[in-house]
C-alpha cells in the first residue's frame, strides 16, 4: 500500500509500524509534485482519493490515463 500526503511525518504517524506500507510525500497543489502523483498512479492497482473535492480531478486524470479504478470520499 502506498500512502501519500503533503506531510511525511503525518503519514508516518498514521501507518506506525505497519508492514508493506510505503509513505510518500506529495502535494497535489504543487505542480512539480504532479509527476510524483503520475508515477504513484502508474504503480498502483487502485487510487483512493481522500483529497479535498477540488483536487479529485487531478488525481482522476492519472487514474483514467492508466486505466485504474478511482474512489473518492
N, C-alpha and C. Protein backbone atom coordinates (compact mmCIF):
# COMPACT_ATOMS: atom_id res chain seq x y z
N UNK A 1 0.84 -1.15 0.00
CA UNK A 1 0.00 0.00 0.00
C UNK A 1 0.90 1.23 0.00
N UNK A 2 0.51 2.22 -0.75
CA UNK A 2 1.22 3.49 -0.80
C UNK A 2 0.30 4.54 -0.20
N UNK A 3 0.80 5.27 0.78
CA UNK A 3 0.05 6.37 1.38
C UNK A 3 0.81 7.64 1.10
N UNK A 4 0.14 8.58 0.45
CA UNK A 4 0.79 9.84 0.09
C UNK A 4 0.09 11.01 0.76
N UNK A 5 0.89 11.97 1.17
CA UNK A 5 0.38 13.18 1.80
C UNK A 5 1.41 14.27 1.64
N UNK A 6 0.99 15.51 1.84
CA UNK A 6 1.96 16.60 1.72
C UNK A 6 2.90 16.65 2.91
N UNK A 7 2.54 15.97 4.01
CA UNK A 7 3.36 15.97 5.22
C UNK A 7 3.82 14.55 5.54
N UNK A 8 5.09 14.30 5.34
CA UNK A 8 5.62 12.95 5.54
C UNK A 8 5.50 12.50 7.00
N UNK A 9 5.74 13.37 7.94
CA UNK A 9 5.63 13.00 9.35
C UNK A 9 4.22 12.54 9.71
N UNK A 10 3.23 13.19 9.12
CA UNK A 10 1.83 12.83 9.37
C UNK A 10 1.55 11.40 8.90
N UNK A 11 2.07 11.05 7.74
CA UNK A 11 1.87 9.70 7.21
C UNK A 11 2.53 8.68 8.13
N UNK A 12 3.75 8.96 8.53
CA UNK A 12 4.49 8.01 9.37
C UNK A 12 3.77 7.75 10.69
N UNK A 13 3.14 8.78 11.25
CA UNK A 13 2.36 8.59 12.47
C UNK A 13 1.14 7.71 12.20
N UNK A 14 0.50 7.93 11.06
CA UNK A 14 -0.70 7.15 10.72
C UNK A 14 -0.39 5.67 10.49
N UNK A 15 0.69 5.39 9.79
CA UNK A 15 0.97 3.99 9.45
C UNK A 15 1.72 3.26 10.56
N UNK A 16 2.36 4.02 11.45
CA UNK A 16 3.05 3.39 12.57
C UNK A 16 4.03 2.32 12.10
N UNK A 17 3.90 1.13 12.65
CA UNK A 17 4.81 0.03 12.31
C UNK A 17 4.20 -0.95 11.31
N UNK A 18 3.16 -0.53 10.62
CA UNK A 18 2.51 -1.41 9.65
C UNK A 18 3.50 -1.85 8.57
N UNK A 19 3.42 -3.10 8.21
CA UNK A 19 4.31 -3.64 7.18
C UNK A 19 3.66 -3.45 5.80
N UNK A 20 4.48 -3.47 4.79
CA UNK A 20 4.03 -3.34 3.40
C UNK A 20 3.31 -2.03 3.11
N UNK A 21 3.71 -0.97 3.82
CA UNK A 21 3.14 0.35 3.58
C UNK A 21 4.28 1.30 3.26
N UNK A 22 4.14 2.00 2.16
CA UNK A 22 5.15 2.98 1.74
C UNK A 22 4.60 4.38 1.94
N UNK A 23 5.35 5.22 2.63
CA UNK A 23 4.96 6.61 2.85
C UNK A 23 5.65 7.49 1.82
N UNK A 24 4.86 8.32 1.13
CA UNK A 24 5.41 9.18 0.08
C UNK A 24 4.88 10.60 0.28
N UNK A 25 5.77 11.56 0.20
CA UNK A 25 5.36 12.96 0.28
C UNK A 25 4.95 13.44 -1.10
N UNK A 26 3.75 14.01 -1.18
CA UNK A 26 3.23 14.52 -2.45
C UNK A 26 2.18 15.58 -2.16
N UNK A 27 2.37 16.75 -2.71
CA UNK A 27 1.44 17.86 -2.53
C UNK A 27 0.79 18.18 -3.88
N UNK A 28 -0.47 17.81 -4.04
CA UNK A 28 -1.13 17.98 -5.34
C UNK A 28 -1.38 19.44 -5.69
N UNK A 29 -1.22 20.34 -4.73
CA UNK A 29 -1.33 21.77 -5.04
C UNK A 29 -0.08 22.28 -5.73
N UNK A 30 1.01 21.54 -5.59
CA UNK A 30 2.29 21.90 -6.18
C UNK A 30 2.43 21.20 -7.53
N UNK A 31 2.46 21.96 -8.60
CA UNK A 31 2.53 21.36 -9.93
C UNK A 31 3.75 20.46 -10.11
N UNK A 32 4.84 20.75 -9.41
CA UNK A 32 6.04 19.92 -9.51
C UNK A 32 5.79 18.51 -8.97
N UNK A 33 4.88 18.38 -8.01
CA UNK A 33 4.58 17.06 -7.44
C UNK A 33 3.61 16.25 -8.29
N UNK A 34 3.07 16.82 -9.35
CA UNK A 34 2.17 16.06 -10.21
C UNK A 34 2.90 14.91 -10.88
N UNK A 35 4.20 15.06 -11.10
CA UNK A 35 4.99 13.95 -11.66
C UNK A 35 5.00 12.78 -10.66
N UNK A 36 5.11 13.11 -9.38
CA UNK A 36 5.07 12.08 -8.35
C UNK A 36 3.72 11.38 -8.35
N UNK A 37 2.65 12.16 -8.43
CA UNK A 37 1.30 11.59 -8.48
C UNK A 37 1.14 10.68 -9.70
N UNK A 38 1.68 11.10 -10.81
CA UNK A 38 1.66 10.30 -12.04
C UNK A 38 2.37 8.97 -11.81
N UNK A 39 3.55 9.01 -11.25
CA UNK A 39 4.34 7.79 -11.03
C UNK A 39 3.67 6.87 -10.02
N UNK A 40 3.10 7.44 -8.97
CA UNK A 40 2.40 6.62 -7.97
C UNK A 40 1.19 5.93 -8.57
N UNK A 41 0.46 6.64 -9.40
CA UNK A 41 -0.73 6.06 -10.04
C UNK A 41 -0.34 4.93 -10.98
N UNK A 42 0.72 5.11 -11.71
CA UNK A 42 1.18 4.07 -12.64
C UNK A 42 1.52 2.78 -11.89
N UNK A 43 2.04 2.90 -10.67
CA UNK A 43 2.44 1.73 -9.88
C UNK A 43 1.30 1.09 -9.12
N UNK A 44 0.16 1.73 -9.09
CA UNK A 44 -0.94 1.29 -8.23
C UNK A 44 -1.97 0.47 -8.99
N UNK A 45 -2.74 -0.31 -8.22
CA UNK A 45 -3.86 -1.06 -8.78
C UNK A 45 -5.16 -0.28 -8.62
N UNK A 46 -5.21 0.59 -7.62
CA UNK A 46 -6.42 1.30 -7.26
C UNK A 46 -6.01 2.64 -6.65
N UNK A 47 -6.76 3.69 -6.95
CA UNK A 47 -6.50 5.01 -6.37
C UNK A 47 -7.68 5.38 -5.48
N UNK A 48 -7.39 5.68 -4.22
CA UNK A 48 -8.41 6.15 -3.28
C UNK A 48 -8.02 7.57 -2.91
N UNK A 49 -8.81 8.52 -3.36
CA UNK A 49 -8.51 9.92 -3.12
C UNK A 49 -9.24 10.42 -1.88
N UNK A 50 -8.46 10.86 -0.91
CA UNK A 50 -9.00 11.48 0.29
C UNK A 50 -8.74 12.99 0.25
N UNK A 51 -8.46 13.47 -0.94
CA UNK A 51 -8.19 14.89 -1.15
C UNK A 51 -9.46 15.71 -1.02
N UNK A 52 -9.32 17.02 -0.79
CA UNK A 52 -10.50 17.88 -0.90
C UNK A 52 -11.07 17.76 -2.32
N UNK A 53 -12.38 17.88 -2.43
CA UNK A 53 -13.05 17.63 -3.72
C UNK A 53 -12.48 18.44 -4.88
N UNK A 54 -11.93 19.59 -4.62
CA UNK A 54 -11.36 20.41 -5.69
C UNK A 54 -10.17 19.74 -6.38
N UNK A 55 -9.52 18.81 -5.69
CA UNK A 55 -8.33 18.17 -6.24
C UNK A 55 -8.59 16.77 -6.80
N UNK A 56 -9.81 16.26 -6.65
CA UNK A 56 -10.12 14.94 -7.23
C UNK A 56 -9.84 14.88 -8.74
N UNK A 57 -10.17 15.93 -9.51
CA UNK A 57 -9.90 15.84 -10.95
C UNK A 57 -8.42 15.62 -11.29
N UNK A 58 -7.53 16.21 -10.49
CA UNK A 58 -6.09 16.00 -10.75
C UNK A 58 -5.73 14.53 -10.58
N UNK A 59 -6.22 13.92 -9.52
CA UNK A 59 -5.91 12.50 -9.27
C UNK A 59 -6.65 11.61 -10.27
N UNK A 60 -7.89 11.95 -10.59
CA UNK A 60 -8.69 11.14 -11.52
C UNK A 60 -8.08 11.13 -12.91
N UNK A 61 -7.49 12.23 -13.31
CA UNK A 61 -6.85 12.32 -14.64
C UNK A 61 -5.81 11.22 -14.81
N UNK A 62 -5.00 11.01 -13.80
CA UNK A 62 -3.97 9.98 -13.89
C UNK A 62 -4.57 8.58 -13.81
N UNK A 63 -5.60 8.42 -12.99
CA UNK A 63 -6.27 7.13 -12.91
C UNK A 63 -6.86 6.74 -14.26
N UNK A 64 -7.50 7.68 -14.92
CA UNK A 64 -8.05 7.42 -16.26
C UNK A 64 -6.95 7.11 -17.26
N UNK A 65 -5.87 7.85 -17.19
CA UNK A 65 -4.75 7.65 -18.12
C UNK A 65 -4.20 6.23 -18.04
N UNK A 66 -4.14 5.69 -16.82
CA UNK A 66 -3.57 4.36 -16.62
C UNK A 66 -4.63 3.26 -16.47
N UNK A 67 -5.90 3.61 -16.63
CA UNK A 67 -6.97 2.60 -16.53
C UNK A 67 -7.11 2.03 -15.13
N UNK A 68 -6.92 2.85 -14.11
CA UNK A 68 -7.02 2.41 -12.72
C UNK A 68 -8.39 2.77 -12.15
N UNK A 69 -8.89 1.94 -11.27
CA UNK A 69 -10.13 2.26 -10.58
C UNK A 69 -9.85 3.46 -9.66
N UNK A 70 -10.87 4.32 -9.52
CA UNK A 70 -10.71 5.56 -8.75
C UNK A 70 -11.88 5.70 -7.78
N UNK A 71 -11.57 5.87 -6.51
CA UNK A 71 -12.60 6.04 -5.48
C UNK A 71 -12.37 7.36 -4.77
N UNK A 72 -13.46 8.02 -4.40
CA UNK A 72 -13.38 9.25 -3.63
C UNK A 72 -14.24 9.12 -2.39
N UNK A 73 -14.08 10.08 -1.50
CA UNK A 73 -14.88 10.06 -0.28
C UNK A 73 -16.30 10.50 -0.57
